[in-house]
């Protein structure tokens, strides 16, 4: 995962807490392509902040399956 992709995750979290869905999607685009183990937990937090609990749970389940 590139440093840039990881660096965008906190920004996506901030956008999510502000309810700025379009900005979250744009910030996550590079991360979703390269997402791996610990990123799943961060993505779960972001989706949860957006109120998308189904996607948040899906990210957590991926982590359980890969034991991350």
Protein backbone atom coordinates (compact mmCIF):
# COMPACT_ATOMS: atom_id res chain seq x y z
CA UNK A 1 0.00 0.00 0.00
CA UNK A 2 1.37 3.39 -0.87
CA UNK A 3 1.97 6.05 1.75
CA UNK A 4 -0.47 8.29 -0.11
CA UNK A 5 -3.26 5.72 0.17
CA UNK A 6 -2.72 5.28 3.89
CA UNK A 7 -2.54 9.05 4.36
CA UNK A 8 -5.96 9.51 2.81
CA UNK A 9 -7.71 7.24 5.33
CA UNK A 10 -7.72 9.77 8.20
CA UNK A 11 -8.99 12.39 5.76
CA UNK A 12 -11.77 10.05 4.69
CA UNK A 13 -12.66 9.52 8.37
CA UNK A 14 -12.93 13.28 8.90
CA UNK A 15 -15.12 13.66 5.82
CA UNK A 16 -17.29 10.80 7.05
CA UNK A 17 -17.80 12.43 10.43
CA UNK A 18 -18.88 15.58 8.57
CA UNK A 19 -21.32 13.62 6.40
CA UNK A 20 -19.45 14.47 3.17
CA UNK A 21 -20.10 11.22 1.32
CA UNK A 22 -18.73 12.30 -2.09
CA UNK A 23 -15.42 13.39 -0.55
CA UNK A 24 -15.18 10.12 1.38
CA UNK A 25 -15.65 8.09 -1.78
CA UNK A 26 -12.97 10.11 -3.58
CA UNK A 27 -10.52 9.77 -0.69
CA UNK A 28 -11.14 6.01 -0.43
CA UNK A 29 -10.75 5.28 -4.13
CA UNK A 30 -6.95 4.77 -4.01
CA UNK A 31 -7.18 2.94 -0.67
CA UNK A 32 -9.86 0.51 -1.80
CA UNK A 33 -7.66 -0.64 -4.67
CA UNK A 34 -4.81 -1.49 -2.30
CA UNK A 35 -6.67 -2.18 0.95
CA UNK A 36 -5.25 -5.02 3.00
CA UNK A 37 -5.36 -6.18 6.60
CA UNK A 38 -5.45 -3.30 9.07
CA UNK A 39 -7.03 -0.94 6.58
CA UNK A 40 -10.25 -2.96 6.88
CA UNK A 41 -10.73 -1.80 10.45
CA UNK A 42 -10.23 1.83 9.43
CA UNK A 43 -12.67 1.40 6.56
CA UNK A 44 -15.17 -0.10 8.98
CA UNK A 45 -14.90 3.02 11.15
CA UNK A 46 -15.38 5.27 8.14
CA UNK A 47 -18.42 3.39 6.85
CA UNK A 48 -19.87 3.34 10.35
CA UNK A 49 -19.45 7.12 10.61
CA UNK A 50 -21.34 7.43 7.33
CA UNK A 51 -24.14 5.31 8.76
CA UNK A 52 -23.41 2.46 6.33
CA UNK A 53 -23.38 -0.28 8.94
CA UNK A 54 -23.69 -3.09 6.40
CA UNK A 55 -20.44 -2.10 4.69
CA UNK A 56 -18.78 -1.52 8.07
CA UNK A 57 -19.68 -5.04 9.19
CA UNK A 58 -18.56 -6.46 5.85
CA UNK A 59 -15.11 -4.88 6.35
CA UNK A 60 -14.89 -6.32 9.86
CA UNK A 61 -15.93 -9.75 8.60
CA UNK A 62 -13.18 -9.62 5.97
CA UNK A 63 -10.73 -8.96 8.78
CA UNK A 64 -11.95 -11.97 10.74
CA UNK A 65 -11.66 -14.17 7.66
CA UNK A 66 -8.09 -13.04 7.02
CA UNK A 67 -7.28 -12.95 10.75
CA UNK A 68 -6.07 -9.36 10.57
